[in-house]
Structure formats: C-alpha cells, structure tokens
C-alpha atoms as a PDB file:
ATOM      1  CA  MET A   1     -27.539 -10.637 -44.398  1.00  0.00           C
ATOM      2  CA  PRO A   2     -28.518  -8.558 -47.449  1.00  0.00           C
ATOM      3  CA  SER A   3     -31.900  -9.351 -48.941  1.00  0.00           C
ATOM      4  CA  THR A   4     -32.191 -11.113 -52.288  1.00  0.00           C
ATOM      5  CA  ASN A   5     -34.941  -8.612 -53.130  1.00  0.00           C
ATOM      6  CA  VAL A   6     -34.286  -5.079 -54.292  1.00  0.00           C
ATOM      7  CA  ILE A   7     -37.749  -4.019 -53.049  1.00  0.00           C
ATOM      8  CA  GLU A   8     -39.845  -5.473 -50.238  1.00  0.00           C
ATOM      9  CA  THR A   9     -43.121  -4.150 -48.892  1.00  0.00           C
ATOM     10  CA  HIS A  10     -45.100  -5.537 -45.989  1.00  0.00           C
ATOM     11  CA  GLU A  11     -48.831  -4.938 -45.855  1.00  0.00           C
ATOM     12  CA  ILE A  12     -48.632  -1.356 -47.108  1.00  0.00           C
ATOM     13  CA  ALA A  13     -51.934   0.483 -47.133  1.00  0.00           C
ATOM     14  CA  LYS A  14     -52.850   4.018 -48.103  1.00  0.00           C
ATOM     15  CA  THR A  15     -56.096   5.839 -47.436  1.00  0.00           C
ATOM     16  CA  TYR A  16     -57.239   9.296 -48.457  1.00  0.00           C
ATOM     17  CA  GLY A  17     -60.121  10.169 -46.161  1.00  0.00           C
ATOM     18  CA  GLN A  18     -62.671   7.405 -46.733  1.00  0.00           C
ATOM     19  CA  PHE A  19     -61.011   6.156 -49.925  1.00  0.00           C
ATOM     20  CA  GLY A  20     -58.590   3.258 -49.772  1.00  0.00           C
ATOM     21  CA  ALA A  21     -55.963   3.425 -52.524  1.00  0.00           C
ATOM     22  CA  LEU A  22     -53.970   0.406 -51.301  1.00  0.00           C
ATOM     23  CA  HIS A  23     -55.102  -2.449 -49.091  1.00  0.00           C
ATOM     24  CA  GLY A  24     -52.310  -4.409 -47.414  1.00  0.00           C
ATOM     25  CA  VAL A  25     -50.008  -4.940 -50.401  1.00  0.00           C
ATOM     26  CA  SER A  26     -46.870  -7.048 -49.866  1.00  0.00           C
ATOM     27  CA  LEU A  27     -44.409  -7.094 -52.758  1.00  0.00           C
ATOM     28  CA  ALA A  28     -41.055  -8.809 -53.250  1.00  0.00           C
ATOM     29  CA  VAL A  29     -39.084  -7.615 -56.288  1.00  0.00           C
ATOM     30  CA  PRO A  30     -36.088  -9.915 -56.904  1.00  0.00           C
ATOM     31  CA  THR A  31     -32.706  -8.317 -57.520  1.00  0.00           C
ATOM     32  CA  GLY A  32     -31.900  -8.331 -61.234  1.00  0.00           C
ATOM     33  CA  SER A  33     -35.509  -8.813 -62.342  1.00  0.00           C
ATOM     34  CA  VAL A  34     -37.659  -6.762 -64.706  1.00  0.00           C
ATOM     35  CA  PHE A  35     -40.734  -6.613 -62.489  1.00  0.00           C
ATOM     36  CA  ALA A  36     -43.983  -5.327 -64.033  1.00  0.00           C
ATOM     37  CA  LEU A  37     -46.583  -3.857 -61.677  1.00  0.00           C
ATOM     38  CA  LEU A  38     -49.744  -4.133 -63.736  1.00  0.00           C
ATOM     39  CA  GLY A  39     -53.306  -2.898 -63.400  1.00  0.00           C
ATOM     40  CA  ALA A  40     -55.874  -0.523 -64.804  1.00  0.00           C
ATOM     41  CA  SER A  41     -55.655   3.226 -64.204  1.00  0.00           C
ATOM     42  CA  GLY A  42     -56.511   3.871 -60.552  1.00  0.00           C
ATOM     43  CA  ALA A  43     -55.406   0.416 -59.383  1.00  0.00           C
ATOM     44  CA  GLY A  44     -52.860   1.899 -56.958  1.00  0.00           C
ATOM     45  CA  LYS A  45     -49.641   1.496 -58.954  1.00  0.00           C
ATOM     46  CA  THR A  46     -48.456   5.102 -58.697  1.00  0.00           C
ATOM     47  CA  THR A  47     -49.448   5.263 -55.030  1.00  0.00           C
ATOM     48  CA  ALA A  48     -47.235   2.239 -54.328  1.00  0.00           C
ATOM     49  CA  ILE A  49     -44.315   3.814 -56.196  1.00  0.00           C
ATOM     50  CA  LYS A  50     -44.676   7.085 -54.287  1.00  0.00           C
ATOM     51  CA  ILE A  51     -44.436   5.147 -51.020  1.00  0.00           C
ATOM     52  CA  LEU A  52     -41.328   3.331 -52.260  1.00  0.00           C
ATOM     53  CA  LEU A  53     -39.665   6.659 -53.099  1.00  0.00           C
ATOM     54  CA  ASN A  54     -40.830   8.275 -49.835  1.00  0.00           C
ATOM     55  CA  LEU A  55     -42.879  10.803 -51.777  1.00  0.00           C
ATOM     56  CA  SER A  56     -45.941   9.698 -49.827  1.00  0.00           C
ATOM     57  CA  ALA A  57     -46.279   8.057 -46.428  1.00  0.00           C
ATOM     58  CA  ALA A  58     -48.087   4.749 -46.082  1.00  0.00           C
ATOM     59  CA  THR A  59     -51.058   4.762 -43.748  1.00  0.00           C
ATOM     60  CA  ARG A  60     -49.730   1.475 -42.404  1.00  0.00           C
ATOM     61  CA  GLY A  61     -47.151  -1.106 -43.363  1.00  0.00           C
ATOM     62  CA  THR A  62     -43.479  -0.795 -44.290  1.00  0.00           C
ATOM     63  CA  ALA A  63     -41.363  -0.679 -47.432  1.00  0.00           C
ATOM     64  CA  ARG A  64     -37.668  -1.385 -47.949  1.00  0.00           C
ATOM     65  CA  VAL A  65     -35.729  -0.316 -51.039  1.00  0.00           C
ATOM     66  CA  LEU A  66     -32.119  -1.406 -51.567  1.00  0.00           C
ATOM     67  CA  ASP A  67     -32.165  -2.838 -48.013  1.00  0.00           C
ATOM     68  CA  VAL A  68     -33.142   0.515 -46.511  1.00  0.00           C
ATOM     69  CA  ASP A  69     -36.455   1.565 -44.979  1.00  0.00           C
ATOM     70  CA  SER A  70     -38.009   3.841 -47.601  1.00  0.00           C
ATOM     71  CA  ARG A  71     -38.751   6.449 -44.935  1.00  0.00           C
ATOM     72  CA  ALA A  72     -35.034   6.702 -44.111  1.00  0.00           C
ATOM     73  CA  MET A  73     -33.521   6.873 -47.595  1.00  0.00           C
ATOM     74  CA  GLY A  74     -30.806   9.504 -47.861  1.00  0.00           C
ATOM     75  CA  PRO A  75     -28.879  10.965 -50.807  1.00  0.00           C
ATOM     76  CA  ALA A  76     -26.532   7.960 -51.027  1.00  0.00           C
ATOM     77  CA  VAL A  77     -29.433   5.554 -51.589  1.00  0.00           C
ATOM     78  CA  LEU A  78     -31.422   7.890 -53.829  1.00  0.00           C
ATOM     79  CA  ALA A  79     -28.340   8.278 -56.052  1.00  0.00           C
ATOM     80  CA  GLN A  80     -28.645   4.550 -56.823  1.00  0.00           C
ATOM     81  CA  ILE A  81     -32.257   4.855 -58.056  1.00  0.00           C
ATOM     82  CA  GLY A  82     -33.343   6.007 -61.502  1.00  0.00           C
ATOM     83  CA  TYR A  83     -36.905   7.274 -61.916  1.00  0.00           C
ATOM     84  CA  VAL A  84     -38.970   8.024 -65.004  1.00  0.00           C
ATOM     85  CA  SER A  85     -42.678   8.849 -65.063  1.00  0.00           C
ATOM     86  CA  GLU A  86     -45.176   9.825 -67.717  1.00  0.00           C
ATOM     87  CA  ASN A  87     -45.380  13.304 -66.131  1.00  0.00           C
ATOM     88  CA  GLN A  88     -41.643  13.809 -65.626  1.00  0.00           C
ATOM     89  CA  ALA A  89     -40.737  17.330 -64.515  1.00  0.00           C
ATOM     90  CA  MET A  90     -37.697  18.833 -66.255  1.00  0.00           C
ATOM     91  CA  PRO A  91     -36.538  22.440 -66.710  1.00  0.00           C
ATOM     92  CA  ALA A  92     -38.435  23.613 -69.775  1.00  0.00           C
ATOM     93  CA  ARG A  93     -36.149  26.582 -70.524  1.00  0.00           C
ATOM     94  CA  LEU A  94     -32.960  24.522 -70.816  1.00  0.00           C
ATOM     95  CA  ARG A  95     -31.822  23.017 -74.077  1.00  0.00           C
ATOM     96  CA  VAL A  96     -31.291  19.275 -74.221  1.00  0.00           C
ATOM     97  CA  HIS A  97     -27.493  19.502 -74.224  1.00  0.00           C
ATOM     98  CA  GLU A  98     -27.528  22.034 -71.366  1.00  0.00           C
ATOM     99  CA  PHE A  99     -29.489  19.701 -69.111  1.00  0.00           C
ATOM    100  CA  PHE A 100     -27.121  16.831 -69.812  1.00  0.00           C
ATOM    101  CA  ASP A 101     -24.179  19.138 -69.046  1.00  0.00           C
ATOM    102  CA  TYR A 102     -25.788  19.939 -65.690  1.00  0.00           C
ATOM    103  CA  LEU A 103     -26.571  16.323 -64.784  1.00  0.00           C
ATOM    104  CA  ARG A 104     -23.119  15.130 -65.774  1.00  0.00           C
ATOM    105  CA  SER A 105     -21.594  17.308 -63.048  1.00  0.00           C
ATOM    106  CA  CYS A 106     -23.875  15.822 -60.372  1.00  0.00           C
ATOM    107  CA  TYR A 107     -22.890  12.149 -60.618  1.00  0.00           C
ATOM    108  CA  GLY A 108     -19.387  10.789 -60.166  1.00  0.00           C
ATOM    109  CA  SER A 109     -20.523   7.518 -61.741  1.00  0.00           C
ATOM    110  CA  TRP A 110     -21.828   9.165 -64.930  1.00  0.00           C
ATOM    111  CA  ASP A 111     -21.017   7.085 -68.038  1.00  0.00           C
ATOM    112  CA  ARG A 112     -20.504   9.509 -70.936  1.00  0.00           C
ATOM    113  CA  THR A 113     -20.265   6.666 -73.459  1.00  0.00           C
ATOM    114  CA  LEU A 114     -23.676   5.348 -72.407  1.00  0.00           C
ATOM    115  CA  GLU A 115     -25.110   8.877 -72.483  1.00  0.00           C
ATOM    116  CA  ASP A 116     -23.915   9.402 -76.052  1.00  0.00           C
ATOM    117  CA  ARG A 117     -25.258   6.011 -77.105  1.00  0.00           C
ATOM    118  CA  LEU A 118     -28.694   6.711 -75.616  1.00  0.00           C
ATOM    119  CA  ARG A 119     -28.906  10.224 -77.060  1.00  0.00           C
ATOM    120  CA  ASP A 120     -28.065   8.848 -80.489  1.00  0.00           C
ATOM    121  CA  GLN A 121     -30.404   5.863 -80.213  1.00  0.00           C
ATOM    122  CA  LEU A 122     -33.329   7.977 -78.990  1.00  0.00           C
ATOM    123  CA  ARG A 123     -32.546  10.756 -81.490  1.00  0.00           C
ATOM    124  CA  LEU A 124     -32.662  13.603 -78.963  1.00  0.00           C
ATOM    125  CA  PRO A 125     -32.171  17.028 -80.602  1.00  0.00           C
ATOM    126  CA  PRO A 126     -29.356  18.681 -78.605  1.00  0.00           C
ATOM    127  CA  LYS A 127     -30.299  22.311 -79.275  1.00  0.00           C
ATOM    128  CA  ARG A 128     -34.063  21.977 -78.732  1.00  0.00           C
ATOM    129  CA  ARG A 129     -35.486  23.425 -75.522  1.00  0.00           C
ATOM    130  CA  ILE A 130     -36.995  20.750 -73.273  1.00  0.00           C
ATOM    131  CA  GLY A 131     -40.273  22.659 -73.126  1.00  0.00           C
ATOM    132  CA  GLU A 132     -40.558  22.364 -76.914  1.00  0.00           C
ATOM    133  CA  LEU A 133     -40.286  18.562 -76.956  1.00  0.00           C
ATOM    134  CA  SER A 134     -43.292  16.354 -77.654  1.00  0.00           C
ATOM    135  CA  HIS A 135     -44.665  14.081 -74.923  1.00  0.00           C
ATOM    136  CA  GLY A 136     -42.889  11.061 -76.375  1.00  0.00           C
ATOM    137  CA  MET A 137     -39.617  12.933 -76.809  1.00  0.00           C
ATOM    138  CA  ARG A 138     -39.757  14.181 -73.187  1.00  0.00           C
ATOM    139  CA  LEU A 139     -40.164  10.596 -71.976  1.00  0.00           C
ATOM    140  CA  LYS A 140     -37.185   9.519 -74.062  1.00  0.00           C
ATOM    141  CA  MET A 141     -35.239  12.451 -72.628  1.00  0.00           C
ATOM    142  CA  ALA A 142     -36.161  11.410 -69.081  1.00  0.00           C
ATOM    143  CA  LEU A 143     -35.005   7.864 -69.741  1.00  0.00           C
ATOM    144  CA  ALA A 144     -31.720   9.042 -71.252  1.00  0.00           C
ATOM    145  CA  CYS A 145     -31.142  11.134 -68.107  1.00  0.00           C
ATOM    146  CA  ALA A 146     -31.885   8.266 -65.700  1.00  0.00           C
ATOM    147  CA  LEU A 147     -29.528   5.622 -67.074  1.00  0.00           C
ATOM    148  CA  PRO A 148     -26.002   7.079 -67.551  1.00  0.00           C
ATOM    149  CA  TYR A 149     -25.199   7.182 -63.809  1.00  0.00           C
ATOM    150  CA  ARG A 150     -25.943   3.421 -63.804  1.00  0.00           C
ATOM    151  CA  PRO A 151     -28.517   3.117 -61.026  1.00  0.00           C
ATOM    152  CA  ARG A 152     -28.924  -0.201 -59.233  1.00  0.00           C
ATOM    153  CA  LEU A 153     -32.705   0.204 -59.475  1.00  0.00           C
ATOM    154  CA  LEU A 154     -34.719   1.806 -62.279  1.00  0.00           C
ATOM    155  CA  ILE A 155     -38.352   2.700 -61.538  1.00  0.00           C
ATOM    156  CA  LEU A 156     -40.580   3.470 -64.522  1.00  0.00           C
ATOM    157  CA  ASP A 157     -44.083   4.767 -63.773  1.00  0.00           C
ATOM    158  CA  GLU A 158     -46.344   4.356 -66.829  1.00  0.00           C
ATOM    159  CA  PRO A 159     -43.567   5.224 -69.294  1.00  0.00           C
ATOM    160  CA  LEU A 160     -45.509   3.875 -72.291  1.00  0.00           C
ATOM    161  CA  SER A 161     -48.775   5.731 -71.703  1.00  0.00           C
ATOM    162  CA  GLY A 162     -50.037   7.724 -74.663  1.00  0.00           C
ATOM    163  CA  LEU A 163     -47.105   6.900 -76.948  1.00  0.00           C
ATOM    164  CA  ASP A 164     -47.239   5.747 -80.535  1.00  0.00           C
ATOM    165  CA  ALA A 165     -45.847   2.326 -81.441  1.00  0.00           C
ATOM    166  CA  LEU A 166     -42.481   3.644 -82.669  1.00  0.00           C
ATOM    167  CA  ALA A 167     -41.859   5.721 -79.532  1.00  0.00           C
ATOM    168  CA  ARG A 168     -42.756   2.721 -77.349  1.00  0.00           C
ATOM    169  CA  ASP A 169     -40.260   0.526 -79.155  1.00  0.00           C
ATOM    170  CA  GLU A 170     -37.535   3.149 -78.819  1.00  0.00           C
ATOM    171  CA  ILE A 171     -38.133   3.570 -75.083  1.00  0.00           C
ATOM    172  CA  ILE A 172     -38.256  -0.189 -74.490  1.00  0.00           C
ATOM    173  CA  ASP A 173     -35.043  -0.674 -76.466  1.00  0.00           C
ATOM    174  CA  GLY A 174     -33.469   2.194 -74.511  1.00  0.00           C
ATOM    175  CA  PHE A 175     -33.956   0.795 -71.040  1.00  0.00           C
ATOM    176  CA  LEU A 176     -33.328  -2.799 -72.122  1.00  0.00           C
ATOM    177  CA  LEU A 177     -29.937  -1.658 -73.387  1.00  0.00           C
ATOM    178  CA  ASP A 178     -28.477  -2.115 -69.888  1.00  0.00           C
ATOM    179  CA  ALA A 179     -31.353  -3.874 -68.101  1.00  0.00           C
ATOM    180  CA  GLY A 180     -29.142  -6.826 -67.205  1.00  0.00           C
ATOM    181  CA  ARG A 181     -26.979  -4.571 -65.017  1.00  0.00           C
ATOM    182  CA  MET A 182     -29.821  -3.330 -62.823  1.00  0.00           C
ATOM    183  CA  SER A 183     -33.205  -4.198 -61.388  1.00  0.00           C
ATOM    184  CA  VAL A 184     -36.261  -2.654 -63.054  1.00  0.00           C
ATOM    185  CA  LEU A 185     -39.721  -1.938 -61.643  1.00  0.00           C
ATOM    186  CA  ILE A 186     -42.152  -0.795 -64.321  1.00  0.00           C
ATOM    187  CA  SER A 187     -45.792   0.091 -63.695  1.00  0.00           C
ATOM    188  CA  SER A 188     -48.112  -0.066 -66.664  1.00  0.00           C
ATOM    189  CA  HIS A 189     -51.594  -0.803 -67.931  1.00  0.00           C
ATOM    190  CA  GLU A 190     -50.093  -1.641 -71.355  1.00  0.00           C
ATOM    191  CA  LEU A 191     -50.090  -5.401 -70.778  1.00  0.00           C
ATOM    192  CA  ASP A 192     -49.410  -6.380 -74.384  1.00  0.00           C
ATOM    193  CA  GLU A 193     -46.203  -4.326 -74.438  1.00  0.00           C
ATOM    194  CA  VAL A 194     -44.902  -5.327 -71.014  1.00  0.00           C
ATOM    195  CA  GLU A 195     -45.080  -9.065 -71.615  1.00  0.00           C
ATOM    196  CA  ARG A 196     -42.333  -8.670 -74.223  1.00  0.00           C
ATOM    197  CA  PHE A 197     -39.673  -8.143 -71.560  1.00  0.00           C
ATOM    198  CA  ALA A 198     -40.997  -8.746 -68.008  1.00  0.00           C
ATOM    199  CA  THR A 199     -39.472 -11.572 -65.967  1.00  0.00           C
ATOM    200  CA  HIS A 200     -41.862 -11.113 -63.024  1.00  0.00           C
ATOM    201  CA  VAL A 201     -45.320  -9.573 -62.700  1.00  0.00           C
ATOM    202  CA  ALA A 202     -47.744  -8.391 -60.064  1.00  0.00           C
ATOM    203  CA  PHE A 203     -51.411  -7.641 -60.699  1.00  0.00           C
ATOM    204  CA  LEU A 204     -53.147  -4.864 -58.755  1.00  0.00           C
ATOM    205  CA  HIS A 205     -56.904  -4.422 -58.863  1.00  0.00           C
ATOM    206  CA  GLU A 206     -58.622  -1.660 -56.886  1.00  0.00           C
ATOM    207  CA  GLY A 207     -55.654  -1.434 -54.538  1.00  0.00           C
ATOM    208  CA  ARG A 208     -55.457  -5.165 -53.847  1.00  0.00           C
ATOM    209  CA  LEU A 209     -52.767  -7.583 -54.940  1.00  0.00           C
ATOM    210  CA  LEU A 210     -54.178 -10.426 -57.041  1.00  0.00           C
ATOM    211  CA  PHE A 211     -50.891 -12.151 -57.897  1.00  0.00           C
ATOM    212  CA  GLN A 212     -47.139 -11.723 -57.902  1.00  0.00           C
ATOM    213  CA  GLY A 213     -44.385 -14.020 -59.120  1.00  0.00           C
ATOM    214  CA  SER A 214     -42.412 -15.070 -62.150  1.00  0.00           C
ATOM    215  CA  VAL A 215     -44.028 -15.199 -65.577  1.00  0.00           C
ATOM    216  CA  THR A 216     -43.654 -18.991 -65.473  1.00  0.00           C
ATOM    217  CA  ALA A 217     -45.416 -19.214 -62.098  1.00  0.00           C
ATOM    218  CA  LEU A 218     -48.169 -16.960 -63.432  1.00  0.00           C
ATOM    219  CA  ALA A 219     -49.012 -19.406 -66.210  1.00  0.00           C
ATOM    220  CA  GLU A 220     -49.379 -22.243 -63.690  1.00  0.00           C
ATOM    221  CA  HIS A 221     -51.415 -20.094 -61.305  1.00  0.00           C
ATOM    222  CA  ALA A 222     -53.764 -18.938 -64.033  1.00  0.00           C
ATOM    223  CA  ARG A 223     -54.463 -22.339 -65.616  1.00  0.00           C
ATOM    224  CA  PRO A 224     -57.472 -23.194 -63.360  1.00  0.00           C
ATOM    225  CA  LEU A 225     -58.937 -19.717 -63.909  1.00  0.00           C
ATOM    226  CA  LEU A 226     -58.706 -20.054 -67.676  1.00  0.00           C
ATOM    227  CA  GLN A 227     -60.222 -23.510 -67.958  1.00  0.00           C
ATOM    228  CA  GLY A 228     -63.611 -23.087 -69.560  1.00  0.00           C
ATOM    229  CA  ALA A 229     -63.144 -19.310 -69.858  1.00  0.00           C
ATOM    230  CA  ASP A 230     -63.977 -17.552 -73.098  1.00  0.00           C
ATOM    231  CA  THR A 231     -60.401 -16.743 -74.167  1.00  0.00           C
ATOM    232  CA  LYS A 232     -58.332 -17.456 -77.275  1.00  0.00           C
ATOM    233  CA  PRO A 233     -58.432 -20.775 -79.143  1.00  0.00           C
ATOM    234  CA  ALA A 234     -56.620 -23.618 -77.373  1.00  0.00           C
ATOM    235  CA  GLU A 235     -53.678 -23.540 -79.778  1.00  0.00           C
ATOM    236  CA  ALA A 236     -53.000 -19.820 -79.177  1.00  0.00           C
ATOM    237  CA  ARG A 237     -50.682 -18.613 -76.414  1.00  0.00           C
ATOM    238  CA  THR A 238     -52.534 -17.067 -73.505  1.00  0.00           C
ATOM    239  CA  SER A 239     -51.570 -13.420 -73.067  1.00  0.00           C
ATOM    240  CA  LEU A 240     -51.088 -11.378 -69.894  1.00  0.00           C
ATOM    241  CA  ARG A 241     -54.257  -9.544 -70.814  1.00  0.00           C
ATOM    242  CA  ASP A 242     -56.278 -12.792 -70.874  1.00  0.00           C
ATOM    243  CA  ILE A 243     -54.860 -13.842 -67.514  1.00  0.00           C
ATOM    244  CA  PHE A 244     -55.462 -10.439 -65.926  1.00  0.00           C
ATOM    245  CA  VAL A 245     -59.077 -10.345 -67.137  1.00  0.00           C
ATOM    246  CA  ALA A 246     -59.654 -13.835 -65.732  1.00  0.00           C
ATOM    247  CA  MET A 247     -58.174 -12.833 -62.362  1.00  0.00           C
ATOM    248  CA  VAL A 248     -60.264  -9.665 -62.145  1.00  0.00           C
ATOM    249  CA  ARG A 249     -63.415 -11.624 -62.945  1.00  0.00           C
ATOM    250  CA  ALA A 250     -62.562 -14.176 -60.256  1.00  0.00           C
ATOM    251  CA  ALA A 251     -61.904 -11.387 -57.731  1.00  0.00           C
ATOM    252  CA  ARG A 252     -65.216  -9.716 -58.524  1.00  0.00           C
ATOM    253  CA  SER A 253     -67.071 -13.007 -58.195  1.00  0.00           C
ATOM    254  CA  ALA A 254     -65.456 -13.635 -54.806  1.00  0.00           C
ATOM    255  CA  THR A 255     -66.632 -10.262 -53.485  1.00  0.00           C
END
C-alpha cells in the first residue's frame, strides 16, 4: 500500500570523522503538505536534504522519497522532484530564454503556460545571461525552472537566505502559485517568513530533531514550554521563533 507520506526517514545519522551532523532523525512529510524544516545554520538541514536526494550517503538509517528508497532513485523518480537551493548551479553563459528552451525539450510534462506565467510574475529578463543575474534573480530563475514540469515534490533548500523583502515575497508567491498540486519541503532559518505558509514544521538543533508535526500540534506541544517564559505579552500570538527559542533552551537544559 502506498505511503501517505511523500518523505519518510528512519533514524538517519551522518558523521564526518568525529563530527556528527545528524543524530538519528526520523521525519514523516505528509503528501500535499508544505513542510518546513527549521533550524539555525549548521543544524543539519542541508545534510538531511542531500541524503534525501542521494547526494550524500547516510552513515546509518534509511530514507524513502516518493515511496522509493533514496539510494535507489532513478531518472523516473528524479523527474518528479523539483529542487532549488540558495547556491543553485546553472550555466552562466546561457541567456535566460536559452536555458528555458533547453529545459523545455527535456520534460514531456512541461507546462508552457505555467512557465510564461512564472517568468512574467518573477520578471525574468529573457536576454540577460544567467551569470549576470543578481543572487535574488538567480533564485527566482531556479524556481521558475523547477515548477513548469509539475513535480510531485518540490524541495527548497534555504531559498530565502540573503534576499531582500521584495524578492522573498516574489519567491514565496511563485512557489505558492501551484503549491496545492504538490508536496513542498522547505528548509530555512527564516522562521518569521516560513510561518506565513507552512502547514507542518520540524525543528532541528545541532543535528537532533526537537519536534515535528502540524502547526496546530506545535502550539499544543509548546504551551508547557512557554508558560512562565519571557516571551511576548499574553494577548500577542506566539510566533515560531518564540517556540523554537523555548525548545532550544529546554534542550540545552536537559543536556
């Protein structure tokens, strides 16, 4: 029977020499969710994503993506995954329109109407060379390239890092355009931005999973931690940032 989760990991761990980047992390990303993997820089978010995409091997544990062991994913499965990262590699010498022309020929499921809508919405200059684009414009370009073939799963690794407020809004609006048709895993340390659209969250701290579940379940889970804590006034809504800080403090106290 197919899993109800688009991603499942079981006790994945990753060590580099004496350094442990991940310590037995088990994730369950529901199909159709916008799942935010949150934590400070160095928490292990990118390491987890590399294991999911079989770009790095776990030291122990297993991961399944789209009901397939991540170590056995072939072209048919990879063609159903969109990927965007803050350091996206694209051919610098090609012009924007040339790269889209190339990608269009690679995917039988390519939606030209969606491509045109994204290029217009994100204001991508068709004749500009990719190597001449700003950091924010390259991220928007990467997103516009990852969506038109309508992947079942979109993985975004720190897509909001280092962007100004306008570029963040444009990127968020871009991937939310069709978010209901796919599952989304987004890693970020930009907690204030992510809480605008996430349906589920997971908190990583120093390679360890502190919490995962729906945003509603998070509020219930965090209530005991926040009682008596120095957070916002009682009438204010508690933010993801407040909850994450409280969880990290509790984890540090426990160790």
